[in-house]
């Protein structure tokens, strides 16, 4: 299974970066990381990383996510992770990634969280 990414807007100010397949060490990881970095560098300040279609993640993939979370925080933006399930959710639970990023069950919940953050920010 290959890694695929898609970027789209859900609301006027929320961007969704969907990753499907596997986020693991290999040829495609640098291109995924670069695309995420460029999305944030392009001015996005509310980002949902949608992992609904992600079946596998390793430490390199986790490192990529953490780097982009840090980048977004430094840029003054907000980021959520949505749709982690199965093996990916198990890894996230084990490493307690919820301590550094909001985890939502689905895309709608993550978008609602980011929409409401504007009212509380």
PDB file of N, CA and C in Angstrom:
ATOM      1  N   UNK A   1       0.840  -1.176   0.000  1.00  0.00           N
ATOM      2  CA  UNK A   1       0.000   0.000   0.000  1.00  0.00           C
ATOM      3  C   UNK A   1       0.885   1.239   0.000  1.00  0.00           C
ATOM      4  N   UNK A   2       0.553   2.197  -0.845  1.00  0.00           N
ATOM      5  CA  UNK A   2       1.333   3.415  -0.939  1.00  0.00           C
ATOM      6  C   UNK A   2       0.757   4.497  -0.033  1.00  0.00           C
ATOM      7  N   UNK A   3       1.546   5.499   0.192  1.00  0.00           N
ATOM      8  CA  UNK A   3       1.112   6.645   0.977  1.00  0.00           C
ATOM      9  C   UNK A   3       0.550   7.682   0.029  1.00  0.00           C
ATOM     10  N   UNK A   4      -0.620   8.213   0.380  1.00  0.00           N
ATOM     11  CA  UNK A   4      -1.234   9.261  -0.419  1.00  0.00           C
ATOM     12  C   UNK A   4      -1.621  10.419   0.483  1.00  0.00           C
ATOM     13  N   UNK A   5      -1.557  11.618  -0.063  1.00  0.00           N
ATOM     14  CA  UNK A   5      -1.990  12.796   0.689  1.00  0.00           C
ATOM     15  C   UNK A   5      -2.950  13.613  -0.161  1.00  0.00           C
ATOM     16  N   UNK A   6      -3.872  14.276   0.513  1.00  0.00           N
ATOM     17  CA  UNK A   6      -4.801  15.193  -0.142  1.00  0.00           C
ATOM     18  C   UNK A   6      -4.999  16.373   0.792  1.00  0.00           C
ATOM     19  N   UNK A   7      -5.047  17.548   0.214  1.00  0.00           N
ATOM     20  CA  UNK A   7      -5.264  18.761   0.995  1.00  0.00           C
ATOM     21  C   UNK A   7      -6.511  19.443   0.463  1.00  0.00           C
ATOM     22  N   UNK A   8      -7.407  19.829   1.382  1.00  0.00           N
ATOM     23  CA  UNK A   8      -8.600  20.582   0.991  1.00  0.00           C
ATOM     24  C   UNK A   8      -9.084  21.447   2.149  1.00  0.00           C
ATOM     25  N   UNK A   9      -9.924  22.394   1.825  1.00  0.00           N
ATOM     26  CA  UNK A   9     -10.509  23.278   2.844  1.00  0.00           C
ATOM     27  C   UNK A   9     -11.884  22.742   3.216  1.00  0.00           C
ATOM     28  N   UNK A  10     -12.181  22.803   4.509  1.00  0.00           N
ATOM     29  CA  UNK A  10     -13.492  22.379   4.996  1.00  0.00           C
ATOM     30  C   UNK A  10     -14.336  23.604   5.298  1.00  0.00           C
ATOM     31  N   UNK A  11     -13.741  24.594   5.862  1.00  0.00           N
ATOM     32  CA  UNK A  11     -14.394  25.859   6.173  1.00  0.00           C
ATOM     33  C   UNK A  11     -13.467  26.940   5.636  1.00  0.00           C
ATOM     34  N   UNK A  12     -13.918  28.151   5.671  1.00  0.00           N
ATOM     35  CA  UNK A  12     -13.053  29.201   5.099  1.00  0.00           C
ATOM     36  C   UNK A  12     -11.644  29.252   5.675  1.00  0.00           C
ATOM     37  N   UNK A  13     -11.484  28.864   6.953  1.00  0.00           N
ATOM     38  CA  UNK A  13     -10.162  29.002   7.553  1.00  0.00           C
ATOM     39  C   UNK A  13      -9.589  27.700   8.107  1.00  0.00           C
ATOM     40  N   UNK A  14     -10.185  26.554   7.766  1.00  0.00           N
ATOM     41  CA  UNK A  14      -9.664  25.265   8.227  1.00  0.00           C
ATOM     42  C   UNK A  14      -9.201  24.459   7.018  1.00  0.00           C
ATOM     43  N   UNK A  15      -7.964  23.989   7.089  1.00  0.00           N
ATOM     44  CA  UNK A  15      -7.397  23.159   6.041  1.00  0.00           C
ATOM     45  C   UNK A  15      -7.255  21.740   6.565  1.00  0.00           C
ATOM     46  N   UNK A  16      -7.585  20.780   5.715  1.00  0.00           N
ATOM     47  CA  UNK A  16      -7.462  19.366   6.060  1.00  0.00           C
ATOM     48  C   UNK A  16      -6.334  18.774   5.230  1.00  0.00           C
ATOM     49  N   UNK A  17      -5.406  18.124   5.923  1.00  0.00           N
ATOM     50  CA  UNK A  17      -4.303  17.408   5.276  1.00  0.00           C
ATOM     51  C   UNK A  17      -4.536  15.931   5.568  1.00  0.00           C
ATOM     52  N   UNK A  18      -5.057  15.207   4.598  1.00  0.00           N
ATOM     53  CA  UNK A  18      -5.390  13.789   4.781  1.00  0.00           C
ATOM     54  C   UNK A  18      -4.219  12.914   4.332  1.00  0.00           C
ATOM     55  N   UNK A  19      -3.887  11.942   5.182  1.00  0.00           N
ATOM     56  CA  UNK A  19      -2.817  10.994   4.867  1.00  0.00           C
ATOM     57  C   UNK A  19      -3.416   9.602   4.915  1.00  0.00           C
ATOM     58  N   UNK A  20      -3.216   8.835   3.852  1.00  0.00           N
ATOM     59  CA  UNK A  20      -3.707   7.460   3.832  1.00  0.00           C
ATOM     60  C   UNK A  20      -2.569   6.517   3.477  1.00  0.00           C
ATOM     61  N   UNK A  21      -2.768   5.255   3.837  1.00  0.00           N
ATOM     62  CA  UNK A  21      -1.740   4.245   3.579  1.00  0.00           C
ATOM     63  C   UNK A  21      -0.846   4.057   4.786  1.00  0.00           C
ATOM     64  N   UNK A  22       0.444   4.288   4.587  1.00  0.00           N
ATOM     65  CA  UNK A  22       1.421   4.094   5.666  1.00  0.00           C
ATOM     66  C   UNK A  22       2.304   5.323   5.791  1.00  0.00           C
ATOM     67  N   UNK A  23       2.547   5.747   7.016  1.00  0.00           N
ATOM     68  CA  UNK A  23       3.461   6.859   7.275  1.00  0.00           C
ATOM     69  C   UNK A  23       4.660   6.265   7.993  1.00  0.00           C
ATOM     70  N   UNK A  24       5.585   5.757   7.168  1.00  0.00           N
ATOM     71  CA  UNK A  24       6.739   5.031   7.695  1.00  0.00           C
ATOM     72  C   UNK A  24       8.007   5.482   6.975  1.00  0.00           C
ATOM     73  N   UNK A  25       9.139   5.136   7.563  1.00  0.00           N
ATOM     74  CA  UNK A  25      10.423   5.448   6.962  1.00  0.00           C
ATOM     75  C   UNK A  25      10.472   4.886   5.552  1.00  0.00           C
ATOM     76  N   UNK A  26      10.886   5.708   4.630  1.00  0.00           N
ATOM     77  CA  UNK A  26      10.976   5.265   3.246  1.00  0.00           C
ATOM     78  C   UNK A  26      10.966   6.447   2.304  1.00  0.00           C
ATOM     79  N   UNK A  27      10.896   6.125   1.031  1.00  0.00           N
ATOM     80  CA  UNK A  27      10.996   7.136  -0.018  1.00  0.00           C
ATOM     81  C   UNK A  27       9.937   8.224   0.055  1.00  0.00           C
ATOM     82  N   UNK A  28       8.720   7.890   0.470  1.00  0.00           N
ATOM     83  CA  UNK A  28       7.631   8.848   0.440  1.00  0.00           C
ATOM     84  C   UNK A  28       7.546   9.747   1.668  1.00  0.00           C
ATOM     85  N   UNK A  29       8.137   9.353   2.767  1.00  0.00           N
ATOM     86  CA  UNK A  29       8.041  10.147   3.992  1.00  0.00           C
ATOM     87  C   UNK A  29       8.565  11.570   3.811  1.00  0.00           C
ATOM     88  N   UNK A  30       9.717  11.780   3.184  1.00  0.00           N
ATOM     89  CA  UNK A  30      10.194  13.164   2.996  1.00  0.00           C
ATOM     90  C   UNK A  30       9.225  14.018   2.173  1.00  0.00           C
ATOM     91  N   UNK A  31       8.559  13.431   1.186  1.00  0.00           N
ATOM     92  CA  UNK A  31       7.622  14.223   0.388  1.00  0.00           C
ATOM     93  C   UNK A  31       6.370  14.573   1.184  1.00  0.00           C
ATOM     94  N   UNK A  32       5.921  13.671   2.046  1.00  0.00           N
ATOM     95  CA  UNK A  32       4.775  13.966   2.914  1.00  0.00           C
ATOM     96  C   UNK A  32       5.154  15.086   3.878  1.00  0.00           C
ATOM     97  N   UNK A  33       6.324  14.964   4.489  1.00  0.00           N
ATOM     98  CA  UNK A  33       6.781  15.984   5.431  1.00  0.00           C
ATOM     99  C   UNK A  33       6.926  17.335   4.742  1.00  0.00           C
ATOM    100  N   UNK A  34       7.484  17.346   3.554  1.00  0.00           N
ATOM    101  CA  UNK A  34       7.653  18.584   2.810  1.00  0.00           C
ATOM    102  C   UNK A  34       6.303  19.219   2.474  1.00  0.00           C
ATOM    103  N   UNK A  35       5.345  18.425   2.049  1.00  0.00           N
ATOM    104  CA  UNK A  35       4.012  18.945   1.721  1.00  0.00           C
ATOM    105  C   UNK A  35       3.334  19.531   2.952  1.00  0.00           C
ATOM    106  N   UNK A  36       3.477  18.877   4.094  1.00  0.00           N
ATOM    107  CA  UNK A  36       2.901  19.401   5.326  1.00  0.00           C
ATOM    108  C   UNK A  36       3.585  20.719   5.711  1.00  0.00           C
ATOM    109  N   UNK A  37       4.895  20.752   5.619  1.00  0.00           N
ATOM    110  CA  UNK A  37       5.657  21.962   5.957  1.00  0.00           C
ATOM    111  C   UNK A  37       5.234  23.119   5.041  1.00  0.00           C
ATOM    112  N   UNK A  38       5.112  22.855   3.752  1.00  0.00           N
ATOM    113  CA  UNK A  38       4.718  23.891   2.801  1.00  0.00           C
ATOM    114  C   UNK A  38       3.297  24.392   3.067  1.00  0.00           C
ATOM    115  N   UNK A  39       2.421  23.506   3.501  1.00  0.00           N
ATOM    116  CA  UNK A  39       1.055  23.905   3.833  1.00  0.00           C
ATOM    117  C   UNK A  39       1.067  24.919   4.975  1.00  0.00           C
ATOM    118  N   UNK A  40       1.839  24.628   6.001  1.00  0.00           N
ATOM    119  CA  UNK A  40       1.930  25.544   7.147  1.00  0.00           C
ATOM    120  C   UNK A  40       2.663  26.821   6.749  1.00  0.00           C
ATOM    121  N   UNK A  41       3.770  26.685   6.011  1.00  0.00           N
ATOM    122  CA  UNK A  41       4.515  27.862   5.556  1.00  0.00           C
ATOM    123  C   UNK A  41       3.660  28.756   4.657  1.00  0.00           C
ATOM    124  N   UNK A  42       2.671  28.158   4.003  1.00  0.00           N
ATOM    125  CA  UNK A  42       1.784  28.907   3.110  1.00  0.00           C
ATOM    126  C   UNK A  42       0.766  29.772   3.834  1.00  0.00           C
ATOM    127  N   UNK A  43       0.763  29.724   5.163  1.00  0.00           N
ATOM    128  CA  UNK A  43      -0.114  30.608   5.917  1.00  0.00           C
ATOM    129  C   UNK A  43      -1.279  29.932   6.613  1.00  0.00           C
ATOM    130  N   UNK A  44      -1.417  28.624   6.480  1.00  0.00           N
ATOM    131  CA  UNK A  44      -2.497  27.920   7.167  1.00  0.00           C
ATOM    132  C   UNK A  44      -2.274  28.025   8.670  1.00  0.00           C
ATOM    133  N   UNK A  45      -3.319  28.385   9.414  1.00  0.00           N
ATOM    134  CA  UNK A  45      -3.198  28.508  10.867  1.00  0.00           C
ATOM    135  C   UNK A  45      -4.183  27.629  11.620  1.00  0.00           C
ATOM    136  N   UNK A  46      -5.072  26.962  10.896  1.00  0.00           N
ATOM    137  CA  UNK A  46      -5.953  25.948  11.482  1.00  0.00           C
ATOM    138  C   UNK A  46      -5.862  24.726  10.580  1.00  0.00           C
ATOM    139  N   UNK A  47      -5.270  23.662  11.123  1.00  0.00           N
ATOM    140  CA  UNK A  47      -4.983  22.483  10.320  1.00  0.00           C
ATOM    141  C   UNK A  47      -5.468  21.227  11.021  1.00  0.00           C
ATOM    142  N   UNK A  48      -6.181  20.399  10.270  1.00  0.00           N
ATOM    143  CA  UNK A  48      -6.558  19.070  10.740  1.00  0.00           C
ATOM    144  C   UNK A  48      -5.743  18.065   9.938  1.00  0.00           C
ATOM    145  N   UNK A  49      -5.034  17.198  10.644  1.00  0.00           N
ATOM    146  CA  UNK A  49      -4.358  16.087   9.991  1.00  0.00           C
ATOM    147  C   UNK A  49      -5.307  14.898  10.097  1.00  0.00           C
ATOM    148  N   UNK A  50      -5.884  14.525   8.972  1.00  0.00           N
ATOM    149  CA  UNK A  50      -6.892  13.458   8.924  1.00  0.00           C
ATOM    150  C   UNK A  50      -6.205  12.126   8.638  1.00  0.00           C
ATOM    151  N   UNK A  51      -6.230  11.238   9.633  1.00  0.00           N
ATOM    152  CA  UNK A  51      -5.567   9.940   9.514  1.00  0.00           C
ATOM    153  C   UNK A  51      -6.569   8.799   9.347  1.00  0.00           C
ATOM    154  N   UNK A  52      -7.778   9.108   8.948  1.00  0.00           N
ATOM    155  CA  UNK A  52      -8.814   8.085   8.780  1.00  0.00           C
ATOM    156  C   UNK A  52      -8.341   6.959   7.868  1.00  0.00           C
ATOM    157  N   UNK A  53      -7.600   7.290   6.827  1.00  0.00           N
ATOM    158  CA  UNK A  53      -7.132   6.291   5.871  1.00  0.00           C
ATOM    159  C   UNK A  53      -5.747   5.739   6.167  1.00  0.00           C
ATOM    160  N   UNK A  54      -5.172   6.114   7.320  1.00  0.00           N
ATOM    161  CA  UNK A  54      -3.821   5.655   7.663  1.00  0.00           C
ATOM    162  C   UNK A  54      -3.891   4.316   8.388  1.00  0.00           C
ATOM    163  N   UNK A  55      -3.139   3.343   7.898  1.00  0.00           N
ATOM    164  CA  UNK A  55      -3.158   1.989   8.470  1.00  0.00           C
ATOM    165  C   UNK A  55      -1.930   1.656   9.299  1.00  0.00           C
ATOM    166  N   UNK A  56      -0.838   2.400   9.089  1.00  0.00           N
ATOM    167  CA  UNK A  56       0.401   2.091   9.794  1.00  0.00           C
ATOM    168  C   UNK A  56       1.225   3.359   9.975  1.00  0.00           C
ATOM    169  N   UNK A  57       1.874   3.452  11.139  1.00  0.00           N
ATOM    170  CA  UNK A  57       2.793   4.556  11.408  1.00  0.00           C
ATOM    171  C   UNK A  57       3.959   4.005  12.217  1.00  0.00           C
ATOM    172  N   UNK A  58       5.159   4.498  11.936  1.00  0.00           N
ATOM    173  CA  UNK A  58       6.323   4.090  12.729  1.00  0.00           C
ATOM    174  C   UNK A  58       6.916   5.332  13.395  1.00  0.00           C
ATOM    175  N   UNK A  59       8.050   5.160  14.060  1.00  0.00           N
ATOM    176  CA  UNK A  59       8.648   6.272  14.792  1.00  0.00           C
ATOM    177  C   UNK A  59       9.018   7.437  13.873  1.00  0.00           C
ATOM    178  N   UNK A  60       9.387   7.151  12.639  1.00  0.00           N
ATOM    179  CA  UNK A  60       9.708   8.217  11.689  1.00  0.00           C
ATOM    180  C   UNK A  60       8.465   9.023  11.344  1.00  0.00           C
ATOM    181  N   UNK A  61       7.357   8.338  11.161  1.00  0.00           N
ATOM    182  CA  UNK A  61       6.089   9.015  10.890  1.00  0.00           C
ATOM    183  C   UNK A  61       5.638   9.848  12.071  1.00  0.00           C
ATOM    184  N   UNK A  62       5.804   9.312  13.266  1.00  0.00           N
ATOM    185  CA  UNK A  62       5.459  10.058  14.478  1.00  0.00           C
ATOM    186  C   UNK A  62       6.338  11.296  14.588  1.00  0.00           C
ATOM    187  N   UNK A  63       7.620  11.138  14.307  1.00  0.00           N
ATOM    188  CA  UNK A  63       8.533  12.282  14.333  1.00  0.00           C
ATOM    189  C   UNK A  63       8.115  13.361  13.352  1.00  0.00           C
ATOM    190  N   UNK A  64       7.673  12.961  12.181  1.00  0.00           N
ATOM    191  CA  UNK A  64       7.189  13.911  11.185  1.00  0.00           C
ATOM    192  C   UNK A  64       6.002  14.692  11.726  1.00  0.00           C
ATOM    193  N   UNK A  65       5.046  13.989  12.324  1.00  0.00           N
ATOM    194  CA  UNK A  65       3.876  14.666  12.883  1.00  0.00           C
ATOM    195  C   UNK A  65       4.274  15.633  13.992  1.00  0.00           C
ATOM    196  N   UNK A  66       5.149  15.204  14.871  1.00  0.00           N
ATOM    197  CA  UNK A  66       5.561  16.058  15.988  1.00  0.00           C
ATOM    198  C   UNK A  66       6.281  17.312  15.489  1.00  0.00           C
ATOM    199  N   UNK A  67       7.116  17.174  14.470  1.00  0.00           N
ATOM    200  CA  UNK A  67       7.795  18.343  13.906  1.00  0.00           C
ATOM    201  C   UNK A  67       6.790  19.349  13.358  1.00  0.00           C
ATOM    202  N   UNK A  68       5.754  18.861  12.671  1.00  0.00           N
ATOM    203  CA  UNK A  68       4.762  19.763  12.100  1.00  0.00           C
ATOM    204  C   UNK A  68       3.884  20.379  13.186  1.00  0.00           C
ATOM    205  N   UNK A  69       3.617  19.648  14.258  1.00  0.00           N
ATOM    206  CA  UNK A  69       2.876  20.203  15.395  1.00  0.00           C
ATOM    207  C   UNK A  69       3.665  21.351  15.998  1.00  0.00           C
ATOM    208  N   UNK A  70       4.963  21.145  16.180  1.00  0.00           N
ATOM    209  CA  UNK A  70       5.830  22.200  16.716  1.00  0.00           C
ATOM    210  C   UNK A  70       5.893  23.401  15.774  1.00  0.00           C
ATOM    211  N   UNK A  71       5.981  23.123  14.472  1.00  0.00           N
ATOM    212  CA  UNK A  71       6.022  24.200  13.490  1.00  0.00           C
ATOM    213  C   UNK A  71       4.753  25.041  13.574  1.00  0.00           C
ATOM    214  N   UNK A  72       3.602  24.378  13.680  1.00  0.00           N
ATOM    215  CA  UNK A  72       2.335  25.106  13.748  1.00  0.00           C
ATOM    216  C   UNK A  72       2.256  25.937  15.021  1.00  0.00           C
ATOM    217  N   UNK A  73       2.705  25.385  16.136  1.00  0.00           N
ATOM    218  CA  UNK A  73       2.699  26.145  17.386  1.00  0.00           C
ATOM    219  C   UNK A  73       3.585  27.380  17.277  1.00  0.00           C
ATOM    220  N   UNK A  74       4.753  27.242  16.671  1.00  0.00           N
ATOM    221  CA  UNK A  74       5.665  28.372  16.493  1.00  0.00           C
ATOM    222  C   UNK A  74       5.065  29.434  15.576  1.00  0.00           C
ATOM    223  N   UNK A  75       4.216  29.001  14.641  1.00  0.00           N
ATOM    224  CA  UNK A  75       3.576  29.935  13.714  1.00  0.00           C
ATOM    225  C   UNK A  75       2.337  30.584  14.330  1.00  0.00           C
ATOM    226  N   UNK A  76       1.970  30.142  15.538  1.00  0.00           N
ATOM    227  CA  UNK A  76       0.812  30.718  16.209  1.00  0.00           C
ATOM    228  C   UNK A  76      -0.508  30.115  15.790  1.00  0.00           C
ATOM    229  N   UNK A  77      -0.468  28.935  15.198  1.00  0.00           N
ATOM    230  CA  UNK A  77      -1.683  28.293  14.728  1.00  0.00           C
ATOM    231  C   UNK A  77      -2.146  27.162  15.628  1.00  0.00           C
ATOM    232  N   UNK A  78      -3.213  26.506  15.193  1.00  0.00           N
ATOM    233  CA  UNK A  78      -3.797  25.379  15.924  1.00  0.00           C
ATOM    234  C   UNK A  78      -3.826  24.164  15.009  1.00  0.00           C
ATOM    235  N   UNK A  79      -3.633  22.993  15.602  1.00  0.00           N
ATOM    236  CA  UNK A  79      -3.601  21.754  14.837  1.00  0.00           C
ATOM    237  C   UNK A  79      -4.308  20.657  15.624  1.00  0.00           C
ATOM    238  N   UNK A  80      -5.040  19.809  14.929  1.00  0.00           N
ATOM    239  CA  UNK A  80      -5.698  18.644  15.532  1.00  0.00           C
ATOM    240  C   UNK A  80      -5.407  17.435  14.654  1.00  0.00           C
ATOM    241  N   UNK A  81      -5.467  16.270  15.265  1.00  0.00           N
ATOM    242  CA  UNK A  81      -5.333  15.012  14.535  1.00  0.00           C
ATOM    243  C   UNK A  81      -6.676  14.302  14.622  1.00  0.00           C
ATOM    244  N   UNK A  82      -7.173  13.841  13.488  1.00  0.00           N
ATOM    245  CA  UNK A  82      -8.484  13.198  13.447  1.00  0.00           C
ATOM    246  C   UNK A  82      -8.397  11.803  12.831  1.00  0.00           C
ATOM    247  N   UNK A  83      -9.272  10.926  13.296  1.00  0.00           N
ATOM    248  CA  UNK A  83      -9.504   9.648  12.642  1.00  0.00           C
ATOM    249  C   UNK A  83      -8.504   8.541  12.890  1.00  0.00           C
ATOM    250  N   UNK A  84      -7.599   8.699  13.847  1.00  0.00           N
ATOM    251  CA  UNK A  84      -6.644   7.613  14.130  1.00  0.00           C
ATOM    252  C   UNK A  84      -7.426   6.399  14.629  1.00  0.00           C
ATOM    253  N   UNK A  85      -7.131   5.245  14.080  1.00  0.00           N
ATOM    254  CA  UNK A  85      -7.837   4.028  14.457  1.00  0.00           C
ATOM    255  C   UNK A  85      -6.897   2.837  14.376  1.00  0.00           C
ATOM    256  N   UNK A  86      -7.329   1.717  14.911  1.00  0.00           N
ATOM    257  CA  UNK A  86      -6.555   0.484  14.816  1.00  0.00           C
ATOM    258  C   UNK A  86      -5.154   0.616  15.378  1.00  0.00           C
ATOM    259  N   UNK A  87      -4.181   0.133  14.606  1.00  0.00           N
ATOM    260  CA  UNK A  87      -2.788   0.131  15.039  1.00  0.00           C
ATOM    261  C   UNK A  87      -2.265   1.551  15.279  1.00  0.00           C
ATOM    262  N   UNK A  88      -2.724   2.502  14.489  1.00  0.00           N
ATOM    263  CA  UNK A  88      -2.273   3.885  14.640  1.00  0.00           C
ATOM    264  C   UNK A  88      -2.765   4.444  15.976  1.00  0.00           C
ATOM    265  N   UNK A  89      -4.025   4.221  16.293  1.00  0.00           N
ATOM    266  CA  UNK A  89      -4.571   4.685  17.572  1.00  0.00           C
ATOM    267  C   UNK A  89      -3.852   4.026  18.740  1.00  0.00           C
ATOM    268  N   UNK A  90      -3.520   2.760  18.591  1.00  0.00           N
ATOM    269  CA  UNK A  90      -2.815   2.043  19.658  1.00  0.00           C
ATOM    270  C   UNK A  90      -1.440   2.657  19.913  1.00  0.00           C
ATOM    271  N   UNK A  91      -0.725   2.972  18.856  1.00  0.00           N
ATOM    272  CA  UNK A  91       0.590   3.617  18.992  1.00  0.00           C
ATOM    273  C   UNK A  91       0.429   4.973  19.665  1.00  0.00           C
ATOM    274  N   UNK A  92      -0.557   5.762  19.220  1.00  0.00           N
ATOM    275  CA  UNK A  92      -0.777   7.083  19.808  1.00  0.00           C
ATOM    276  C   UNK A  92      -1.095   6.976  21.295  1.00  0.00           C
ATOM    277  N   UNK A  93      -1.894   5.996  21.655  1.00  0.00           N
ATOM    278  CA  UNK A  93      -2.239   5.790  23.065  1.00  0.00           C
ATOM    279  C   UNK A  93      -0.985   5.422  23.866  1.00  0.00           C
ATOM    280  N   UNK A  94      -0.167   4.547  23.308  1.00  0.00           N
ATOM    281  CA  UNK A  94       1.044   4.088  23.987  1.00  0.00           C
ATOM    282  C   UNK A  94       2.017   5.231  24.249  1.00  0.00           C
ATOM    283  N   UNK A  95       2.194   6.094  23.269  1.00  0.00           N
ATOM    284  CA  UNK A  95       3.170   7.182  23.428  1.00  0.00           C
ATOM    285  C   UNK A  95       2.553   8.448  24.029  1.00  0.00           C
ATOM    286  N   UNK A  96       1.264   8.407  24.292  1.00  0.00           N
ATOM    287  CA  UNK A  96       0.545   9.536  24.912  1.00  0.00           C
ATOM    288  C   UNK A  96       0.662  10.821  24.088  1.00  0.00           C
ATOM    289  N   UNK A  97       0.475  10.696  22.794  1.00  0.00           N
ATOM    290  CA  UNK A  97       0.583  11.868  21.925  1.00  0.00           C
ATOM    291  C   UNK A  97      -0.506  12.895  22.230  1.00  0.00           C
ATOM    292  N   UNK A  98      -1.568  12.449  22.906  1.00  0.00           N
ATOM    293  CA  UNK A  98      -2.634  13.380  23.265  1.00  0.00           C
ATOM    294  C   UNK A  98      -2.164  14.465  24.221  1.00  0.00           C
ATOM    295  N   UNK A  99      -0.989  14.301  24.790  1.00  0.00           N
ATOM    296  CA  UNK A  99      -0.425  15.335  25.662  1.00  0.00           C
ATOM    297  C   UNK A  99       0.084  16.534  24.883  1.00  0.00           C
ATOM    298  N   UNK A 100       0.328  16.351  23.579  1.00  0.00           N
ATOM    299  CA  UNK A 100       0.858  17.471  22.798  1.00  0.00           C
ATOM    300  C   UNK A 100      -0.067  17.922  21.663  1.00  0.00           C
ATOM    301  N   UNK A 101      -1.072  17.122  21.331  1.00  0.00           N
ATOM    302  CA  UNK A 101      -1.977  17.504  20.249  1.00  0.00           C
ATOM    303  C   UNK A 101      -3.367  16.947  20.542  1.00  0.00           C
ATOM    304  N   UNK A 102      -4.376  17.698  20.130  1.00  0.00           N
ATOM    305  CA  UNK A 102      -5.753  17.234  20.299  1.00  0.00           C
ATOM    306  C   UNK A 102      -6.027  16.086  19.325  1.00  0.00           C
ATOM    307  N   UNK A 103      -6.583  14.997  19.860  1.00  0.00           N
ATOM    308  CA  UNK A 103      -6.975  13.848  19.044  1.00  0.00           C
ATOM    309  C   UNK A 103      -8.492  13.801  18.990  1.00  0.00           C
ATOM    310  N   UNK A 104      -9.029  13.736  17.792  1.00  0.00           N
ATOM    311  CA  UNK A 104     -10.473  13.650  17.610  1.00  0.00           C
ATOM    312  C   UNK A 104     -10.815  12.383  16.850  1.00  0.00           C
ATOM    313  N   UNK A 105     -11.979  11.835  17.148  1.00  0.00           N
ATOM    314  CA  UNK A 105     -12.402  10.578  16.544  1.00  0.00           C
ATOM    315  C   UNK A 105     -12.625  10.701  15.043  1.00  0.00           C
ATOM    316  N   UNK A 106     -13.060  11.875  14.598  1.00  0.00           N
ATOM    317  CA  UNK A 106     -13.361  12.039  13.176  1.00  0.00           C
ATOM    318  C   UNK A 106     -13.109  13.479  12.736  1.00  0.00           C
ATOM    319  N   UNK A 107     -13.197  13.677  11.450  1.00  0.00           N
ATOM    320  CA  UNK A 107     -12.918  14.983  10.857  1.00  0.00           C
ATOM    321  C   UNK A 107     -13.889  16.047  11.354  1.00  0.00           C
ATOM    322  N   UNK A 108     -15.165  15.715  11.448  1.00  0.00           N
ATOM    323  CA  UNK A 108     -16.162  16.692  11.894  1.00  0.00           C
ATOM    324  C   UNK A 108     -15.857  17.196  13.302  1.00  0.00           C
ATOM    325  N   UNK A 109     -15.463  16.311  14.197  1.00  0.00           N
ATOM    326  CA  UNK A 109     -15.138  16.701  15.571  1.00  0.00           C
ATOM    327  C   UNK A 109     -13.917  17.614  15.609  1.00  0.00           C
ATOM    328  N   UNK A 110     -12.908  17.298  14.811  1.00  0.00           N
ATOM    329  CA  UNK A 110     -11.703  18.125  14.773  1.00  0.00           C
ATOM    330  C   UNK A 110     -12.012  19.512  14.220  1.00  0.00           C
ATOM    331  N   UNK A 111     -12.823  19.577  13.180  1.00  0.00           N
ATOM    332  CA  UNK A 111     -13.190  20.877  12.612  1.00  0.00           C
ATOM    333  C   UNK A 111     -14.007  21.693  13.609  1.00  0.00           C
ATOM    334  N   UNK A 112     -14.896  21.027  14.334  1.00  0.00           N
ATOM    335  CA  UNK A 112     -15.684  21.722  15.355  1.00  0.00           C
ATOM    336  C   UNK A 112     -14.766  22.285  16.441  1.00  0.00           C
ATOM    337  N   UNK A 113     -13.763  21.511  16.843  1.00  0.00           N
ATOM    338  CA  UNK A 113     -12.816  21.972  17.860  1.00  0.00           C
ATOM    339  C   UNK A 113     -12.071  23.228  17.369  1.00  0.00           C
ATOM    340  N   UNK A 114     -11.599  23.206  16.119  1.00  0.00           N
ATOM    341  CA  UNK A 114     -10.864  24.354  15.593  1.00  0.00           C
ATOM    342  C   UNK A 114     -11.780  25.546  15.369  1.00  0.00           C
ATOM    343  N   UNK A 115     -13.015  25.312  14.970  1.00  0.00           N
ATOM    344  CA  UNK A 115     -13.972  26.417  14.790  1.00  0.00           C
ATOM    345  C   UNK A 115     -14.265  27.091  16.109  1.00  0.00           C
ATOM    346  N   UNK A 116     -14.440  26.294  17.157  1.00  0.00           N
ATOM    347  CA  UNK A 116     -14.749  26.871  18.477  1.00  0.00           C
ATOM    348  C   UNK A 116     -13.530  27.537  19.087  1.00  0.00           C
ATOM    349  N   UNK A 117     -12.338  27.173  18.639  1.00  0.00           N
ATOM    350  CA  UNK A 117     -11.133  27.805  19.193  1.00  0.00           C
ATOM    351  C   UNK A 117     -11.050  29.272  18.811  1.00  0.00           C
ATOM    352  N   UNK A 118     -11.675  29.649  17.720  1.00  0.00           N
ATOM    353  CA  UNK A 118     -11.677  31.055  17.327  1.00  0.00           C
ATOM    354  C   UNK A 118     -12.462  31.891  18.321  1.00  0.00           C
ATOM    355  N   UNK A 119     -13.519  31.298  18.859  1.00  0.00           N
ATOM    356  CA  UNK A 119     -14.349  32.018  19.820  1.00  0.00           C
ATOM    357  C   UNK A 119     -13.671  32.141  21.175  1.00  0.00           C
ATOM    358  N   UNK A 120     -12.772  31.180  21.492  1.00  0.00           N
ATOM    359  CA  UNK A 120     -12.120  31.191  22.797  1.00  0.00           C
ATOM    360  C   UNK A 120     -10.724  31.805  22.741  1.00  0.00           C
ATOM    361  N   UNK A 121     -10.215  32.033  21.544  1.00  0.00           N
ATOM    362  CA  UNK A 121      -8.848  32.554  21.409  1.00  0.00           C
ATOM    363  C   UNK A 121      -8.786  34.041  21.669  1.00  0.00           C
TER     364      UNK A 121
END
